[in-house]
């Protein structure tokens, strides 16, 4: 496969991938505080159980679009919400829907 074909292949894969920022917390208190603070903003996010790929002291994390990560972090810092780490999480949701996976 030449370089041009590789680029086309990568672009095709990226088309179906959704990239999220997974923000973990040290405690449930801060995950709930983050949810409360972000509900006042216009950012789309979800509070979800921490995916197996990541570890955390708290069982819940925030999932937001990667492109909105900086805005989320700024809001959390402005409101004194302490967080642990930020992970980049790429998901092929179309493929997972076809296989019957459901992420909440």
PDB file of N, CA and C in Angstrom:
ATOM      1  N   UNK A   1       0.859  -1.173   0.000  1.00  0.00           N
ATOM      2  CA  UNK A   1       0.000   0.000   0.000  1.00  0.00           C
ATOM      3  C   UNK A   1       0.903   1.234   0.000  1.00  0.00           C
ATOM      4  N   UNK A   2       0.696   2.115  -0.983  1.00  0.00           N
ATOM      5  CA  UNK A   2       1.525   3.314  -1.034  1.00  0.00           C
ATOM      6  C   UNK A   2       1.003   4.365  -0.056  1.00  0.00           C
ATOM      7  N   UNK A   3       1.747   5.474   0.044  1.00  0.00           N
ATOM      8  CA  UNK A   3       1.421   6.500   1.032  1.00  0.00           C
ATOM      9  C   UNK A   3       0.055   7.133   0.776  1.00  0.00           C
ATOM     10  N   UNK A   4      -0.295   7.364  -0.468  1.00  0.00           N
ATOM     11  CA  UNK A   4      -1.588   7.948  -0.810  1.00  0.00           C
ATOM     12  C   UNK A   4      -2.741   7.039  -0.375  1.00  0.00           C
ATOM     13  N   UNK A   5      -2.587   5.749  -0.623  1.00  0.00           N
ATOM     14  CA  UNK A   5      -3.624   4.791  -0.221  1.00  0.00           C
ATOM     15  C   UNK A   5      -3.740   4.720   1.298  1.00  0.00           C
ATOM     16  N   UNK A   6      -2.604   4.809   2.002  1.00  0.00           N
ATOM     17  CA  UNK A   6      -2.619   4.783   3.460  1.00  0.00           C
ATOM     18  C   UNK A   6      -3.374   5.994   4.009  1.00  0.00           C
ATOM     19  N   UNK A   7      -3.127   7.172   3.426  1.00  0.00           N
ATOM     20  CA  UNK A   7      -3.821   8.388   3.869  1.00  0.00           C
ATOM     21  C   UNK A   7      -5.328   8.264   3.672  1.00  0.00           C
ATOM     22  N   UNK A   8      -5.752   7.738   2.535  1.00  0.00           N
ATOM     23  CA  UNK A   8      -7.177   7.545   2.267  1.00  0.00           C
ATOM     24  C   UNK A   8      -7.782   6.576   3.269  1.00  0.00           C
ATOM     25  N   UNK A   9      -7.045   5.524   3.586  1.00  0.00           N
ATOM     26  CA  UNK A   9      -7.517   4.527   4.540  1.00  0.00           C
ATOM     27  C   UNK A   9      -7.677   5.146   5.925  1.00  0.00           C
ATOM     28  N   UNK A  10      -6.697   5.933   6.342  1.00  0.00           N
ATOM     29  CA  UNK A  10      -6.753   6.582   7.659  1.00  0.00           C
ATOM     30  C   UNK A  10      -7.918   7.563   7.703  1.00  0.00           C
ATOM     31  N   UNK A  11      -8.112   8.358   6.651  1.00  0.00           N
ATOM     32  CA  UNK A  11      -9.219   9.321   6.615  1.00  0.00           C
ATOM     33  C   UNK A  11     -10.564   8.611   6.681  1.00  0.00           C
ATOM     34  N   UNK A  12     -10.676   7.461   6.032  1.00  0.00           N
ATOM     35  CA  UNK A  12     -11.918   6.696   6.068  1.00  0.00           C
ATOM     36  C   UNK A  12     -12.197   6.223   7.488  1.00  0.00           C
ATOM     37  N   UNK A  13     -11.170   5.761   8.177  1.00  0.00           N
ATOM     38  CA  UNK A  13     -11.334   5.313   9.567  1.00  0.00           C
ATOM     39  C   UNK A  13     -11.720   6.490  10.451  1.00  0.00           C
ATOM     40  N   UNK A  14     -11.022   7.627  10.298  1.00  0.00           N
ATOM     41  CA  UNK A  14     -11.299   8.792  11.122  1.00  0.00           C
ATOM     42  C   UNK A  14     -12.720   9.299  10.930  1.00  0.00           C
ATOM     43  N   UNK A  15     -13.266   9.118   9.754  1.00  0.00           N
ATOM     44  CA  UNK A  15     -14.622   9.574   9.472  1.00  0.00           C
ATOM     45  C   UNK A  15     -15.622   8.938  10.438  1.00  0.00           C
ATOM     46  N   UNK A  16     -15.390   7.709  10.814  1.00  0.00           N
ATOM     47  CA  UNK A  16     -16.332   6.988  11.666  1.00  0.00           C
ATOM     48  C   UNK A  16     -15.974   7.076  13.139  1.00  0.00           C
ATOM     49  N   UNK A  17     -14.787   7.551  13.436  1.00  0.00           N
ATOM     50  CA  UNK A  17     -14.352   7.597  14.822  1.00  0.00           C
ATOM     51  C   UNK A  17     -14.825   8.894  15.485  1.00  0.00           C
ATOM     52  N   UNK A  18     -15.232   8.785  16.724  1.00  0.00           N
ATOM     53  CA  UNK A  18     -15.553   9.948  17.521  1.00  0.00           C
ATOM     54  C   UNK A  18     -14.523  10.000  18.638  1.00  0.00           C
ATOM     55  N   UNK A  19     -13.937  11.155  18.841  1.00  0.00           N
ATOM     56  CA  UNK A  19     -12.910  11.294  19.867  1.00  0.00           C
ATOM     57  C   UNK A  19     -13.474  12.075  21.044  1.00  0.00           C
ATOM     58  N   UNK A  20     -13.313  11.480  22.224  1.00  0.00           N
ATOM     59  CA  UNK A  20     -13.821  12.083  23.450  1.00  0.00           C
ATOM     60  C   UNK A  20     -12.690  12.396  24.410  1.00  0.00           C
ATOM     61  N   UNK A  21     -12.957  13.351  25.282  1.00  0.00           N
ATOM     62  CA  UNK A  21     -12.100  13.599  26.432  1.00  0.00           C
ATOM     63  C   UNK A  21     -12.764  12.907  27.611  1.00  0.00           C
ATOM     64  N   UNK A  22     -12.039  12.013  28.249  1.00  0.00           N
ATOM     65  CA  UNK A  22     -12.516  11.356  29.460  1.00  0.00           C
ATOM     66  C   UNK A  22     -11.781  12.001  30.628  1.00  0.00           C
ATOM     67  N   UNK A  23     -12.538  12.630  31.506  1.00  0.00           N
ATOM     68  CA  UNK A  23     -11.951  13.341  32.636  1.00  0.00           C
ATOM     69  C   UNK A  23     -12.275  12.572  33.905  1.00  0.00           C
ATOM     70  N   UNK A  24     -11.232  12.113  34.569  1.00  0.00           N
ATOM     71  CA  UNK A  24     -11.411  11.324  35.793  1.00  0.00           C
ATOM     72  C   UNK A  24     -11.206  12.207  37.024  1.00  0.00           C
ATOM     73  N   UNK A  25     -11.722  11.732  38.142  1.00  0.00           N
ATOM     74  CA  UNK A  25     -11.689  12.487  39.397  1.00  0.00           C
ATOM     75  C   UNK A  25     -11.165  11.607  40.521  1.00  0.00           C
ATOM     76  N   UNK A  26     -10.643  12.265  41.559  1.00  0.00           N
ATOM     77  CA  UNK A  26     -10.159  11.528  42.729  1.00  0.00           C
ATOM     78  C   UNK A  26     -11.309  11.052  43.606  1.00  0.00           C
ATOM     79  N   UNK A  27     -12.401  11.821  43.616  1.00  0.00           N
ATOM     80  CA  UNK A  27     -13.525  11.472  44.488  1.00  0.00           C
ATOM     81  C   UNK A  27     -14.856  11.656  43.756  1.00  0.00           C
ATOM     82  N   UNK A  28     -15.869  10.985  44.256  1.00  0.00           N
ATOM     83  CA  UNK A  28     -17.216  11.128  43.718  1.00  0.00           C
ATOM     84  C   UNK A  28     -17.730  12.543  43.935  1.00  0.00           C
ATOM     85  N   UNK A  29     -17.330  13.150  45.041  1.00  0.00           N
ATOM     86  CA  UNK A  29     -17.731  14.534  45.328  1.00  0.00           C
ATOM     87  C   UNK A  29     -17.387  15.450  44.156  1.00  0.00           C
ATOM     88  N   UNK A  30     -16.165  15.344  43.639  1.00  0.00           N
ATOM     89  CA  UNK A  30     -15.758  16.226  42.550  1.00  0.00           C
ATOM     90  C   UNK A  30     -16.415  15.851  41.230  1.00  0.00           C
ATOM     91  N   UNK A  31     -16.711  14.581  41.010  1.00  0.00           N
ATOM     92  CA  UNK A  31     -17.417  14.215  39.769  1.00  0.00           C
ATOM     93  C   UNK A  31     -18.831  14.782  39.779  1.00  0.00           C
ATOM     94  N   UNK A  32     -19.490  14.745  40.928  1.00  0.00           N
ATOM     95  CA  UNK A  32     -20.840  15.311  41.038  1.00  0.00           C
ATOM     96  C   UNK A  32     -20.821  16.836  40.948  1.00  0.00           C
ATOM     97  N   UNK A  33     -19.794  17.456  41.535  1.00  0.00           N
ATOM     98  CA  UNK A  33     -19.654  18.909  41.453  1.00  0.00           C
ATOM     99  C   UNK A  33     -19.408  19.329  39.997  1.00  0.00           C
ATOM    100  N   UNK A  34     -18.594  18.555  39.273  1.00  0.00           N
ATOM    101  CA  UNK A  34     -18.322  18.847  37.866  1.00  0.00           C
ATOM    102  C   UNK A  34     -19.612  18.770  37.057  1.00  0.00           C
ATOM    103  N   UNK A  35     -20.417  17.755  37.327  1.00  0.00           N
ATOM    104  CA  UNK A  35     -21.689  17.610  36.617  1.00  0.00           C
ATOM    105  C   UNK A  35     -22.586  18.817  36.866  1.00  0.00           C
ATOM    106  N   UNK A  36     -22.679  19.228  38.102  1.00  0.00           N
ATOM    107  CA  UNK A  36     -23.533  20.358  38.474  1.00  0.00           C
ATOM    108  C   UNK A  36     -23.061  21.647  37.788  1.00  0.00           C
ATOM    109  N   UNK A  37     -21.758  21.870  37.776  1.00  0.00           N
ATOM    110  CA  UNK A  37     -21.183  23.074  37.172  1.00  0.00           C
ATOM    111  C   UNK A  37     -21.387  23.069  35.658  1.00  0.00           C
ATOM    112  N   UNK A  38     -21.136  21.933  35.011  1.00  0.00           N
ATOM    113  CA  UNK A  38     -21.231  21.861  33.549  1.00  0.00           C
ATOM    114  C   UNK A  38     -22.665  21.881  33.048  1.00  0.00           C
ATOM    115  N   UNK A  39     -23.632  21.485  33.893  1.00  0.00           N
ATOM    116  CA  UNK A  39     -25.039  21.546  33.494  1.00  0.00           C
ATOM    117  C   UNK A  39     -25.475  22.982  33.246  1.00  0.00           C
ATOM    118  N   UNK A  40     -24.784  23.949  33.838  1.00  0.00           N
ATOM    119  CA  UNK A  40     -25.103  25.360  33.650  1.00  0.00           C
ATOM    120  C   UNK A  40     -24.513  25.901  32.349  1.00  0.00           C
ATOM    121  N   UNK A  41     -23.613  25.148  31.736  1.00  0.00           N
ATOM    122  CA  UNK A  41     -22.978  25.587  30.490  1.00  0.00           C
ATOM    123  C   UNK A  41     -23.729  25.001  29.297  1.00  0.00           C
ATOM    124  N   UNK A  42     -23.276  25.355  28.116  1.00  0.00           N
ATOM    125  CA  UNK A  42     -23.895  24.832  26.902  1.00  0.00           C
ATOM    126  C   UNK A  42     -23.105  23.660  26.325  1.00  0.00           C
ATOM    127  N   UNK A  43     -22.196  23.114  27.098  1.00  0.00           N
ATOM    128  CA  UNK A  43     -21.358  22.011  26.631  1.00  0.00           C
ATOM    129  C   UNK A  43     -22.125  20.702  26.769  1.00  0.00           C
ATOM    130  N   UNK A  44     -22.055  19.892  25.710  1.00  0.00           N
ATOM    131  CA  UNK A  44     -22.666  18.567  25.763  1.00  0.00           C
ATOM    132  C   UNK A  44     -21.669  17.617  26.425  1.00  0.00           C
ATOM    133  N   UNK A  45     -22.097  16.951  27.477  1.00  0.00           N
ATOM    134  CA  UNK A  45     -21.230  16.009  28.193  1.00  0.00           C
ATOM    135  C   UNK A  45     -22.099  14.924  28.808  1.00  0.00           C
ATOM    136  N   UNK A  46     -21.443  13.883  29.267  1.00  0.00           N
ATOM    137  CA  UNK A  46     -22.145  12.817  29.987  1.00  0.00           C
ATOM    138  C   UNK A  46     -21.317  12.424  31.199  1.00  0.00           C
ATOM    139  N   UNK A  47     -21.990  12.036  32.256  1.00  0.00           N
ATOM    140  CA  UNK A  47     -21.326  11.412  33.389  1.00  0.00           C
ATOM    141  C   UNK A  47     -21.503   9.917  33.189  1.00  0.00           C
ATOM    142  N   UNK A  48     -20.380   9.192  33.129  1.00  0.00           N
ATOM    143  CA  UNK A  48     -20.430   7.758  32.844  1.00  0.00           C
ATOM    144  C   UNK A  48     -19.523   7.009  33.815  1.00  0.00           C
ATOM    145  N   UNK A  49     -19.725   5.702  33.960  1.00  0.00           N
ATOM    146  CA  UNK A  49     -18.757   4.911  34.729  1.00  0.00           C
ATOM    147  C   UNK A  49     -17.393   4.967  34.024  1.00  0.00           C
ATOM    148  N   UNK A  50     -16.328   4.947  34.784  1.00  0.00           N
ATOM    149  CA  UNK A  50     -14.991   5.001  34.194  1.00  0.00           C
ATOM    150  C   UNK A  50     -14.791   3.763  33.313  1.00  0.00           C
ATOM    151  N   UNK A  51     -14.448   3.963  32.040  1.00  0.00           N
ATOM    152  CA  UNK A  51     -14.207   2.814  31.148  1.00  0.00           C
ATOM    153  C   UNK A  51     -13.065   1.938  31.659  1.00  0.00           C
ATOM    154  N   UNK A  52     -13.119   0.672  31.337  1.00  0.00           N
ATOM    155  CA  UNK A  52     -12.097  -0.275  31.792  1.00  0.00           C
ATOM    156  C   UNK A  52     -10.690   0.106  31.358  1.00  0.00           C
ATOM    157  N   UNK A  53     -10.593   0.812  30.226  1.00  0.00           N
ATOM    158  CA  UNK A  53      -9.281   1.185  29.706  1.00  0.00           C
ATOM    159  C   UNK A  53      -8.533   2.137  30.631  1.00  0.00           C
ATOM    160  N   UNK A  54      -9.253   2.810  31.521  1.00  0.00           N
ATOM    161  CA  UNK A  54      -8.664   3.806  32.407  1.00  0.00           C
ATOM    162  C   UNK A  54      -8.924   3.418  33.852  1.00  0.00           C
ATOM    163  N   UNK A  55      -8.064   3.880  34.724  1.00  0.00           N
ATOM    164  CA  UNK A  55      -8.315   3.623  36.150  1.00  0.00           C
ATOM    165  C   UNK A  55      -8.501   4.959  36.848  1.00  0.00           C
ATOM    166  N   UNK A  56      -9.200   4.910  37.943  1.00  0.00           N
ATOM    167  CA  UNK A  56      -9.486   6.132  38.678  1.00  0.00           C
ATOM    168  C   UNK A  56      -9.849   5.761  40.107  1.00  0.00           C
ATOM    169  N   UNK A  57      -9.638   6.692  41.015  1.00  0.00           N
ATOM    170  CA  UNK A  57     -10.046   6.474  42.402  1.00  0.00           C
ATOM    171  C   UNK A  57     -11.563   6.542  42.533  1.00  0.00           C
ATOM    172  N   UNK A  58     -12.187   7.280  41.629  1.00  0.00           N
ATOM    173  CA  UNK A  58     -13.639   7.450  41.621  1.00  0.00           C
ATOM    174  C   UNK A  58     -14.216   6.594  40.502  1.00  0.00           C
ATOM    175  N   UNK A  59     -15.409   6.093  40.680  1.00  0.00           N
ATOM    176  CA  UNK A  59     -16.020   5.225  39.677  1.00  0.00           C
ATOM    177  C   UNK A  59     -16.698   5.960  38.534  1.00  0.00           C
ATOM    178  N   UNK A  60     -16.788   7.289  38.617  1.00  0.00           N
ATOM    179  CA  UNK A  60     -17.455   8.063  37.574  1.00  0.00           C
ATOM    180  C   UNK A  60     -16.490   9.042  36.922  1.00  0.00           C
ATOM    181  N   UNK A  61     -16.791   9.368  35.672  1.00  0.00           N
ATOM    182  CA  UNK A  61     -15.973  10.325  34.939  1.00  0.00           C
ATOM    183  C   UNK A  61     -16.880  11.141  34.027  1.00  0.00           C
ATOM    184  N   UNK A  62     -16.315  12.163  33.418  1.00  0.00           N
ATOM    185  CA  UNK A  62     -17.033  12.965  32.433  1.00  0.00           C
ATOM    186  C   UNK A  62     -16.570  12.574  31.046  1.00  0.00           C
ATOM    187  N   UNK A  63     -17.510  12.513  30.124  1.00  0.00           N
ATOM    188  CA  UNK A  63     -17.196  12.265  28.716  1.00  0.00           C
ATOM    189  C   UNK A  63     -17.694  13.471  27.940  1.00  0.00           C
ATOM    190  N   UNK A  64     -16.754  14.164  27.261  1.00  0.00           N
ATOM    191  CA  UNK A  64     -17.090  15.313  26.433  1.00  0.00           C
ATOM    192  C   UNK A  64     -16.352  15.173  25.113  1.00  0.00           C
ATOM    193  N   UNK A  65     -16.799  15.892  24.117  1.00  0.00           N
ATOM    194  CA  UNK A  65     -16.089  15.855  22.845  1.00  0.00           C
ATOM    195  C   UNK A  65     -14.682  16.412  23.024  1.00  0.00           C
ATOM    196  N   UNK A  66     -13.726  15.783  22.362  1.00  0.00           N
ATOM    197  CA  UNK A  66     -12.328  16.187  22.483  1.00  0.00           C
ATOM    198  C   UNK A  66     -12.146  17.667  22.132  1.00  0.00           C
ATOM    199  N   UNK A  67     -12.892  18.138  21.139  1.00  0.00           N
ATOM    200  CA  UNK A  67     -12.771  19.522  20.698  1.00  0.00           C
ATOM    201  C   UNK A  67     -13.189  20.514  21.788  1.00  0.00           C
ATOM    202  N   UNK A  68     -13.991  20.071  22.749  1.00  0.00           N
ATOM    203  CA  UNK A  68     -14.466  20.951  23.819  1.00  0.00           C
ATOM    204  C   UNK A  68     -13.679  20.785  25.109  1.00  0.00           C
ATOM    205  N   UNK A  69     -12.630  19.983  25.062  1.00  0.00           N
ATOM    206  CA  UNK A  69     -11.837  19.666  26.257  1.00  0.00           C
ATOM    207  C   UNK A  69     -11.319  20.916  26.958  1.00  0.00           C
ATOM    208  N   UNK A  70     -10.731  21.839  26.219  1.00  0.00           N
ATOM    209  CA  UNK A  70     -10.150  23.031  26.841  1.00  0.00           C
ATOM    210  C   UNK A  70     -11.207  23.877  27.534  1.00  0.00           C
ATOM    211  N   UNK A  71     -12.361  23.999  26.917  1.00  0.00           N
ATOM    212  CA  UNK A  71     -13.444  24.770  27.523  1.00  0.00           C
ATOM    213  C   UNK A  71     -13.944  24.090  28.812  1.00  0.00           C
ATOM    214  N   UNK A  72     -14.058  22.769  28.777  1.00  0.00           N
ATOM    215  CA  UNK A  72     -14.480  22.024  29.968  1.00  0.00           C
ATOM    216  C   UNK A  72     -13.475  22.232  31.098  1.00  0.00           C
ATOM    217  N   UNK A  73     -12.196  22.097  30.785  1.00  0.00           N
ATOM    218  CA  UNK A  73     -11.146  22.259  31.800  1.00  0.00           C
ATOM    219  C   UNK A  73     -11.194  23.667  32.399  1.00  0.00           C
ATOM    220  N   UNK A  74     -11.371  24.678  31.556  1.00  0.00           N
ATOM    221  CA  UNK A  74     -11.449  26.057  32.060  1.00  0.00           C
ATOM    222  C   UNK A  74     -12.619  26.234  33.020  1.00  0.00           C
ATOM    223  N   UNK A  75     -13.772  25.674  32.662  1.00  0.00           N
ATOM    224  CA  UNK A  75     -14.956  25.779  33.536  1.00  0.00           C
ATOM    225  C   UNK A  75     -14.703  25.072  34.861  1.00  0.00           C
ATOM    226  N   UNK A  76     -14.100  23.884  34.811  1.00  0.00           N
ATOM    227  CA  UNK A  76     -13.816  23.153  36.047  1.00  0.00           C
ATOM    228  C   UNK A  76     -12.852  23.926  36.929  1.00  0.00           C
ATOM    229  N   UNK A  77     -11.806  24.483  36.341  1.00  0.00           N
ATOM    230  CA  UNK A  77     -10.822  25.249  37.128  1.00  0.00           C
ATOM    231  C   UNK A  77     -11.438  26.515  37.718  1.00  0.00           C
ATOM    232  N   UNK A  78     -12.258  27.209  36.938  1.00  0.00           N
ATOM    233  CA  UNK A  78     -12.919  28.424  37.428  1.00  0.00           C
ATOM    234  C   UNK A  78     -13.821  28.138  38.622  1.00  0.00           C
ATOM    235  N   UNK A  79     -14.333  26.925  38.705  1.00  0.00           N
ATOM    236  CA  UNK A  79     -15.256  26.554  39.780  1.00  0.00           C
ATOM    237  C   UNK A  79     -14.602  25.660  40.831  1.00  0.00           C
ATOM    238  N   UNK A  80     -13.281  25.630  40.834  1.00  0.00           N
ATOM    239  CA  UNK A  80     -12.510  24.870  41.832  1.00  0.00           C
ATOM    240  C   UNK A  80     -12.888  23.397  41.890  1.00  0.00           C
ATOM    241  N   UNK A  81     -13.113  22.811  40.713  1.00  0.00           N
ATOM    242  CA  UNK A  81     -13.410  21.381  40.634  1.00  0.00           C
ATOM    243  C   UNK A  81     -12.094  20.661  40.314  1.00  0.00           C
ATOM    244  N   UNK A  82     -11.618  19.893  41.263  1.00  0.00           N
ATOM    245  CA  UNK A  82     -10.363  19.169  41.069  1.00  0.00           C
ATOM    246  C   UNK A  82     -10.617  17.908  40.249  1.00  0.00           C
ATOM    247  N   UNK A  83      -9.767  17.677  39.258  1.00  0.00           N
ATOM    248  CA  UNK A  83      -9.872  16.449  38.477  1.00  0.00           C
ATOM    249  C   UNK A  83      -8.518  15.756  38.462  1.00  0.00           C
ATOM    250  N   UNK A  84      -8.549  14.486  38.129  1.00  0.00           N
ATOM    251  CA  UNK A  84      -7.346  13.663  38.167  1.00  0.00           C
ATOM    252  C   UNK A  84      -6.585  13.754  36.847  1.00  0.00           C
ATOM    253  N   UNK A  85      -7.157  13.175  35.791  1.00  0.00           N
ATOM    254  CA  UNK A  85      -6.487  13.114  34.495  1.00  0.00           C
ATOM    255  C   UNK A  85      -7.480  13.299  33.365  1.00  0.00           C
ATOM    256  N   UNK A  86      -6.932  13.575  32.177  1.00  0.00           N
ATOM    257  CA  UNK A  86      -7.735  13.664  30.963  1.00  0.00           C
ATOM    258  C   UNK A  86      -7.176  12.647  29.979  1.00  0.00           C
ATOM    259  N   UNK A  87      -8.046  11.777  29.499  1.00  0.00           N
ATOM    260  CA  UNK A  87      -7.660  10.753  28.530  1.00  0.00           C
ATOM    261  C   UNK A  87      -8.303  11.053  27.189  1.00  0.00           C
ATOM    262  N   UNK A  88      -7.636  10.684  26.119  1.00  0.00           N
ATOM    263  CA  UNK A  88      -8.196  10.764  24.767  1.00  0.00           C
ATOM    264  C   UNK A  88      -8.776   9.384  24.460  1.00  0.00           C
ATOM    265  N   UNK A  89     -10.065   9.334  24.111  1.00  0.00           N
ATOM    266  CA  UNK A  89     -10.771   8.058  23.911  1.00  0.00           C
ATOM    267  C   UNK A  89     -11.429   8.078  22.544  1.00  0.00           C
ATOM    268  N   UNK A  90     -10.992   7.218  21.661  1.00  0.00           N
ATOM    269  CA  UNK A  90     -11.555   7.151  20.313  1.00  0.00           C
ATOM    270  C   UNK A  90     -12.517   5.974  20.223  1.00  0.00           C
ATOM    271  N   UNK A  91     -13.708   6.265  19.699  1.00  0.00           N
ATOM    272  CA  UNK A  91     -14.757   5.252  19.629  1.00  0.00           C
ATOM    273  C   UNK A  91     -15.298   5.162  18.213  1.00  0.00           C
ATOM    274  N   UNK A  92     -15.550   3.955  17.749  1.00  0.00           N
ATOM    275  CA  UNK A  92     -16.215   3.719  16.470  1.00  0.00           C
ATOM    276  C   UNK A  92     -17.650   3.327  16.803  1.00  0.00           C
ATOM    277  N   UNK A  93     -18.472   4.326  17.056  1.00  0.00           N
ATOM    278  CA  UNK A  93     -19.825   4.074  17.547  1.00  0.00           C
ATOM    279  C   UNK A  93     -20.726   3.421  16.520  1.00  0.00           C
ATOM    280  N   UNK A  94     -20.507   3.699  15.237  1.00  0.00           N
ATOM    281  CA  UNK A  94     -21.326   3.053  14.200  1.00  0.00           C
ATOM    282  C   UNK A  94     -21.112   1.543  14.214  1.00  0.00           C
ATOM    283  N   UNK A  95     -19.864   1.135  14.305  1.00  0.00           N
ATOM    284  CA  UNK A  95     -19.548  -0.301  14.337  1.00  0.00           C
ATOM    285  C   UNK A  95     -20.104  -0.935  15.606  1.00  0.00           C
ATOM    286  N   UNK A  96     -19.987  -0.235  16.723  1.00  0.00           N
ATOM    287  CA  UNK A  96     -20.462  -0.770  17.996  1.00  0.00           C
ATOM    288  C   UNK A  96     -21.986  -0.897  18.005  1.00  0.00           C
ATOM    289  N   UNK A  97     -22.689   0.035  17.370  1.00  0.00           N
ATOM    290  CA  UNK A  97     -24.153  -0.063  17.286  1.00  0.00           C
ATOM    291  C   UNK A  97     -24.565  -1.302  16.502  1.00  0.00           C
ATOM    292  N   UNK A  98     -23.837  -1.573  15.419  1.00  0.00           N
ATOM    293  CA  UNK A  98     -24.155  -2.737  14.588  1.00  0.00           C
ATOM    294  C   UNK A  98     -23.934  -4.040  15.346  1.00  0.00           C
ATOM    295  N   UNK A  99     -22.974  -4.047  16.237  1.00  0.00           N
ATOM    296  CA  UNK A  99     -22.678  -5.247  17.022  1.00  0.00           C
ATOM    297  C   UNK A  99     -23.557  -5.342  18.278  1.00  0.00           C
ATOM    298  N   UNK A 100     -24.352  -4.327  18.526  1.00  0.00           N
ATOM    299  CA  UNK A 100     -25.253  -4.375  19.665  1.00  0.00           C
ATOM    300  C   UNK A 100     -24.685  -3.758  20.940  1.00  0.00           C
ATOM    301  N   UNK A 101     -23.527  -3.111  20.863  1.00  0.00           N
ATOM    302  CA  UNK A 101     -22.998  -2.440  22.047  1.00  0.00           C
ATOM    303  C   UNK A 101     -23.833  -1.216  22.332  1.00  0.00           C
ATOM    304  N   UNK A 102     -23.985  -0.895  23.581  1.00  0.00           N
ATOM    305  CA  UNK A 102     -24.685   0.329  23.953  1.00  0.00           C
ATOM    306  C   UNK A 102     -23.932   0.968  25.091  1.00  0.00           C
ATOM    307  N   UNK A 103     -23.452   2.183  24.872  1.00  0.00           N
ATOM    308  CA  UNK A 103     -22.730   2.903  25.903  1.00  0.00           C
ATOM    309  C   UNK A 103     -23.624   3.986  26.444  1.00  0.00           C
ATOM    310  N   UNK A 104     -23.717   4.062  27.744  1.00  0.00           N
ATOM    311  CA  UNK A 104     -24.578   5.039  28.387  1.00  0.00           C
ATOM    312  C   UNK A 104     -23.736   6.153  28.973  1.00  0.00           C
TER     313      UNK A 104
END
